[in-house]
Every structure is written in structure tokens, then in C-alpha cells.
Amino acid sequence: MANFVAIKKDKHQNLKVSQKRNLAHVANQHIVTITAAEYAQSSASFPIVLVKNPGSPRYRSVAMLGMESGENLFYQDEKWSALSVPQSIGMAPFALGLDPDKENTLTACVDVDSEFVGEDKDLSLFEAEGKESELLTNVQNSLGRLYENEKMTENFIKELEENDLLQELELKIDLSTGEKKKLTGLFTVNEDKIKALADDKVLDFHKRGLFVPIYAMLGSLAQMNRLVQLRNLTGKNQIAGIQIAPLAKEAVAETAES
């Protein structure tokens, strides 16, 4: 389990990280957080959807890496096969966290229990004289960009909610064994409602660049077929067919009442 601590010169003067690192920490994750700024590039590899925990009003923006919990179809045999790596997982073993010495202040943290962190590794966090290394400076800048992108994504999702542009999807999966599975709880943009937007709203969305992530998200749903191909290559629980469609209103009502 990860053990993130704030990076401090007096505590981590001699700490280093490995030059070569992998994505084994997400080998069993079927979804990972992704920001709207990454949609355009990531839509060439992953289905991008919104999800939320039952009973929670907050949506999360995620890339689907598998069809079910514990399945990452893009990380096989210790290799990553997608065209890009979501920033949220590519930053490991680093992350943003609260600074214990400064109230309500975020700072760069490192997973001190990671196999890629230790005093015997390759790349120093601090120079001999105590100055931050180029690596640490770059990490801090990247974490800062990730934080800003996450805030922008929250605002993007809020915009979709306030304009009633979200719809829930139903994913029907037919396995080669004859078994049928159904996935719900995946949300995307309602394309019909996008087309029905008033002219002034269209202009507003266009000026603020909102159509780029909107249509990237919609286009990314075609990557569900890529997930099917990758699943079938594993030889496990082969998929014979898949259908994705808006969840029927009566089904939504049943879910809300149950």
C-alpha cells in the first residue's frame, strides 16, 4: 500500500528514485482518473466516461482500462500498450498532498514505500548542497499542472450538469459462453442535447473551448471495441458481442428506487 509523505529537504536529502519505472501499480485497476485536458489525446486509446459512487452527487472523470473490476487490459506482461499514459498514473511514485507544516497548502509528496524509491536509486531529489534537483523541479511543475487540470475538469463537469447535458449509458456484454452481463453507472454527454443548444450557448461553449473535450469524450466510446479486442486476446471470458446505448428512463427510475 502506498505511503505518501511530503518531500522535505531535512528528511529526504539523500532520497532518490529509479530512472526506469513501470506502471505495475495500476495492473489491477479497470478505471483511472483522467482530466479534460487529456481527452483529445486519450480518446485514441480509451473509452472516457464519468462515474460516481452510489449515493454521491460528485462525478469523476475516468478512462476505462478494462471491462470489470481488477482488469487492466492495457498493462499486460509488464508492458503498457496504449498510445498515451494518463497523467494521474504517470506521476507515480509522486503525488500532491497536504503540507503538514503549512495549513491548507498542497505540496509534492513521494511514496517512500515504493520499490522505485530509496537512497540506493539513480536520480536524486536534492543536490549535494541541498538545492532541489532538476528532477524534483520538473515533478513539482507537473503536479502543479495536474492540479490545475483537475480543477478545470471539475468546472467542465459542473458545466455539463448545469446545462443538463449528461446521460447514463448501459453496456450490454454477450460472452462466448452464452452468459450476458450488463454495466451501468457510466455517464457521457447527450449528443442530441448538444445539437439542441441555443445559438448563444453554442457560441459561449465554442469560445471557451468546451466542444473539444465534449466531442473527444463522445468519440472515445468507439474504444469500447478496443477493450473487447484486448479482452479476447487474453483468452479469458471472451466477448462475442457488445452494445452501448443510453439507459432507458424506466431503468434509471428502477435504479433510483432500489
Foldseek 3Di string as FASTA:
>chain_A
DFDKDFDDLVVAVLKFFAPDDALVVCQQAQKDAAFLVCLQVCLVAFQWWWFDDPPDPDITIITGQADDGGHGLQQDPRHGNGPDDGLVRVLPQKAWDDDPVDPPDIGIIGRCPDPGMDSPHDGGQADPVSHGDPVVVVSRVSNVVVVVRVVVRRVLVVVCVVLVFKFKKKKWFQFPVRDIDIDIRTMAGRVVSVVVDDPVVVVVCVVVVSVSSRVSNVSSVVCVVVNLVSVVVVVPRHTPDMDMDTDDPVVVVVVVVD
